[in-house]
Protein backbone atom coordinates (compact mmCIF):
# COMPACT_ATOMS: atom_id res chain seq x y z
CA MET A 1 -67.88 -83.44 -10.58
CA GLU A 2 -64.43 -82.10 -11.04
CA MET A 3 -66.24 -78.36 -12.38
CA ASP A 4 -68.54 -78.32 -8.86
CA LYS A 5 -66.32 -78.77 -6.35
CA GLU A 6 -63.63 -76.06 -8.21
CA ILE A 7 -66.94 -73.82 -8.09
CA ILE A 8 -67.41 -74.08 -4.60
CA GLN A 9 -63.05 -73.92 -3.73
CA HIS A 10 -63.98 -70.19 -5.97
CA MET A 11 -67.19 -69.51 -3.41
CA SER A 12 -65.25 -70.78 -0.20
CA ASN A 13 -61.87 -69.02 -0.76
CA PRO A 14 -62.79 -66.46 -3.55
CA ASN A 15 -58.69 -65.91 -5.49
CA ASN A 16 -57.48 -62.11 -4.95
CA TYR A 17 -60.63 -61.28 -3.10
CA GLY A 18 -59.58 -58.31 -1.56
CA ARG A 19 -58.12 -55.14 -1.64
CA ILE A 20 -54.84 -53.51 -2.77
CA GLU A 21 -54.01 -50.72 -1.04
CA ASP A 22 -52.43 -47.51 -3.08
CA ALA A 23 -53.01 -49.47 -6.14
CA ASP A 24 -51.86 -48.43 -9.39
CA SER A 25 -55.63 -48.50 -10.75
CA ILE A 26 -59.25 -48.88 -8.71
CA GLY A 27 -62.32 -49.96 -11.67
CA ILE A 28 -66.06 -50.31 -11.10
CA GLY A 29 -68.78 -52.47 -12.13
CA GLU A 30 -72.43 -51.55 -11.29
CA ASN A 31 -75.79 -53.06 -11.47
CA PRO A 32 -77.43 -50.01 -12.00
CA GLN A 33 -81.26 -51.51 -11.16
CA ASN A 34 -79.83 -52.84 -7.78
CA GLY A 35 -76.17 -51.14 -6.85
CA GLU A 36 -74.39 -54.56 -6.81
CA LYS A 37 -70.89 -53.20 -7.74
CA VAL A 38 -67.94 -55.06 -8.19
CA LEU A 39 -64.05 -53.32 -7.17
CA VAL A 40 -60.91 -54.41 -9.14
CA TYR A 41 -57.87 -53.11 -8.00
CA ILE A 42 -53.86 -53.05 -9.91
CA ASP A 43 -50.77 -53.13 -9.82
CA VAL A 44 -49.40 -52.36 -13.36
CA GLU A 45 -45.14 -53.15 -13.87
CA LYS A 46 -45.00 -53.18 -18.00
CA ASP A 47 -42.29 -55.69 -19.56
CA CYS A 48 -39.40 -56.45 -21.33
CA SER A 49 -41.20 -55.53 -25.10
CA GLY A 50 -42.81 -52.06 -22.88
CA GLU A 51 -46.02 -53.50 -22.49
CA TYR A 52 -48.56 -52.94 -19.68
CA VAL A 53 -49.25 -56.26 -17.41
CA ILE A 54 -50.97 -56.85 -14.60
CA ALA A 55 -48.10 -57.25 -11.79
CA ASP A 56 -51.02 -58.40 -8.89
CA ILE A 57 -54.97 -57.61 -8.71
CA ALA A 58 -57.90 -58.23 -6.14
CA PHE A 59 -61.30 -57.76 -6.28
CA GLU A 60 -64.29 -56.56 -3.73
CA ALA A 61 -67.85 -57.07 -4.38
CA ILE A 62 -70.91 -56.10 -3.13
CA ALA A 63 -73.18 -58.05 -5.34
CA CYS A 64 -73.90 -62.19 -4.64
CA MET A 65 -71.82 -65.24 -4.82
CA THR A 66 -72.53 -65.88 -7.83
CA THR A 67 -70.38 -62.23 -8.69
CA VAL A 68 -67.92 -63.28 -6.41
CA VAL A 69 -67.09 -66.16 -8.21
CA ALA A 70 -66.40 -65.14 -11.35
CA GLY A 71 -64.44 -62.16 -9.91
CA SER A 72 -62.03 -65.43 -8.15
CA ILE A 73 -61.88 -66.56 -11.36
CA ILE A 74 -61.63 -63.72 -13.64
CA THR A 75 -59.47 -61.79 -11.38
CA GLN A 76 -57.55 -65.51 -11.80
CA GLU A 77 -56.85 -65.32 -15.42
CA ALA A 78 -56.00 -61.59 -15.68
CA ARG A 79 -53.09 -62.09 -13.31
CA ASP A 80 -49.44 -61.66 -14.82
CA ILE A 81 -51.21 -60.78 -18.61
CA THR A 82 -50.57 -57.76 -20.61
CA PHE A 83 -52.82 -55.58 -20.48
CA SER A 84 -53.64 -56.28 -24.82
CA LYS A 85 -54.42 -60.32 -23.52
CA CYS A 86 -56.09 -58.55 -20.43
CA GLU A 87 -58.97 -57.27 -23.26
CA GLU A 88 -58.51 -60.27 -24.98
CA LEU A 89 -60.37 -62.22 -21.83
CA ILE A 90 -62.85 -59.33 -21.36
CA SER A 91 -64.29 -59.70 -24.89
CA VAL A 92 -64.74 -63.29 -24.74
CA THR A 93 -65.99 -63.66 -21.04
CA LEU A 94 -68.36 -60.72 -22.38
CA GLY A 95 -69.13 -63.24 -26.07
CA MET A 96 -69.98 -65.71 -23.58
CA LEU A 97 -72.18 -64.33 -21.42
CA GLU A 98 -74.48 -63.39 -24.88
CA ASN A 99 -75.82 -66.84 -24.99
CA VAL A 100 -76.66 -66.79 -21.15
CA PRO A 101 -80.39 -65.43 -19.99
CA PRO A 102 -79.88 -61.75 -19.02
CA GLU A 103 -80.26 -62.40 -14.87
CA GLU A 104 -77.44 -65.23 -15.16
CA ALA A 105 -74.61 -63.22 -17.05
CA ALA A 106 -75.55 -59.82 -15.26
CA CYS A 107 -73.24 -61.35 -12.42
CA SER A 108 -69.78 -62.37 -14.42
CA GLU A 109 -70.13 -58.76 -16.83
CA MET A 110 -69.91 -56.54 -13.82
CA VAL A 111 -66.82 -58.21 -13.22
CA ALA A 112 -65.78 -58.00 -17.03
CA VAL A 113 -66.36 -54.37 -16.90
CA ALA A 114 -64.56 -53.81 -13.99
CA LEU A 115 -61.25 -54.75 -15.47
CA LYS A 116 -62.16 -52.25 -18.15
CA ALA A 117 -62.91 -49.37 -16.08
CA ALA A 118 -59.19 -50.76 -13.80
CA ILE A 119 -57.18 -50.48 -17.76
CA ASP A 120 -58.72 -47.74 -19.16
CA GLY A 121 -58.11 -45.63 -15.67
CA TYR A 122 -55.29 -46.94 -15.45
CA LEU A 123 -53.96 -45.39 -19.07
CA LEU A 124 -56.28 -42.71 -18.62
CA SER A 125 -54.20 -42.09 -15.71
CA GLN A 126 -50.72 -42.24 -17.43
CA GLU A 127 -51.97 -39.10 -20.51
CA LYS A 128 -53.79 -37.29 -17.25
CA GLY A 129 -50.48 -37.17 -15.34
CA GLU A 130 -53.46 -38.10 -12.08
CA LYS A 131 -55.16 -41.37 -10.88
CA GLN A 132 -58.89 -41.94 -12.68
CA THR A 133 -61.20 -43.94 -11.19
CA LEU A 134 -63.86 -45.03 -13.66
CA ILE A 135 -67.14 -46.89 -13.34
CA TYR A 136 -69.00 -48.84 -16.25
CA LYS A 137 -72.67 -49.64 -16.14
CA ILE A 138 -73.63 -53.46 -16.78
CA GLY A 139 -75.93 -54.08 -19.53
CA HIS A 140 -77.75 -56.57 -18.41
CA SER A 141 -80.19 -57.42 -15.35
CA CYS A 142 -80.69 -59.20 -12.36
CA SER A 143 -84.34 -58.94 -13.23
CA PRO A 144 -85.77 -61.55 -15.50
CA ASP A 145 -87.41 -59.02 -18.54
CA LYS A 146 -90.72 -61.42 -17.31
CA GLU A 147 -93.05 -58.92 -15.19
CA PHE A 148 -94.82 -61.44 -12.88
CA SER A 149 -97.64 -60.13 -10.26
CA ILE A 150 -99.40 -62.26 -7.52
CA GLU A 151 -103.59 -62.17 -8.56
CA PRO A 152 -105.22 -61.32 -5.45
CA GLN A 153 -106.70 -64.50 -3.56
CA GLU A 154 -110.73 -64.52 -2.69
CA GLU A 155 -110.01 -65.19 0.96
CA LYS A 156 -111.58 -68.06 1.91
CA GLN A 157 -113.44 -68.49 5.56
CA CYS A 158 -113.17 -71.08 7.66
CA LYS A 159 -115.90 -72.95 7.82
CA ASN A 160 -116.57 -73.25 11.71
CA CYS A 161 -116.43 -69.98 11.52
């Protein structure tokens, strides 16, 4: 019951939903099958040991509510952690999705790969000296593997016609 309340909270008032103007990096996760997208915006700082930390994070989604809930949860977890911890978060998230039906995994995968694209884009930007926006496409599909068709039905005549 408590989990349901938390999910409803993420649905009705998602954490970190929106955009960061002039973000240090923007990563995009995309479903090539249906065009849904997640954009993850990050601002980055270095901690006292010199590691990159996600100081601020936001996301936008042109996708279903499950994607918004996943974005809310994943960005909440990614805030104020180092890139290396964030890579672990992404890895664990993607690992958990291996046991979920592909059509259910696609939404969360899109958020995880958008976050990965934001991190990789930031590192590439540091290397090249100019902002790089990366787009990573998901491997799962929102549609079940099964194909289905509706068999044509015979028209039935009304007895009174």
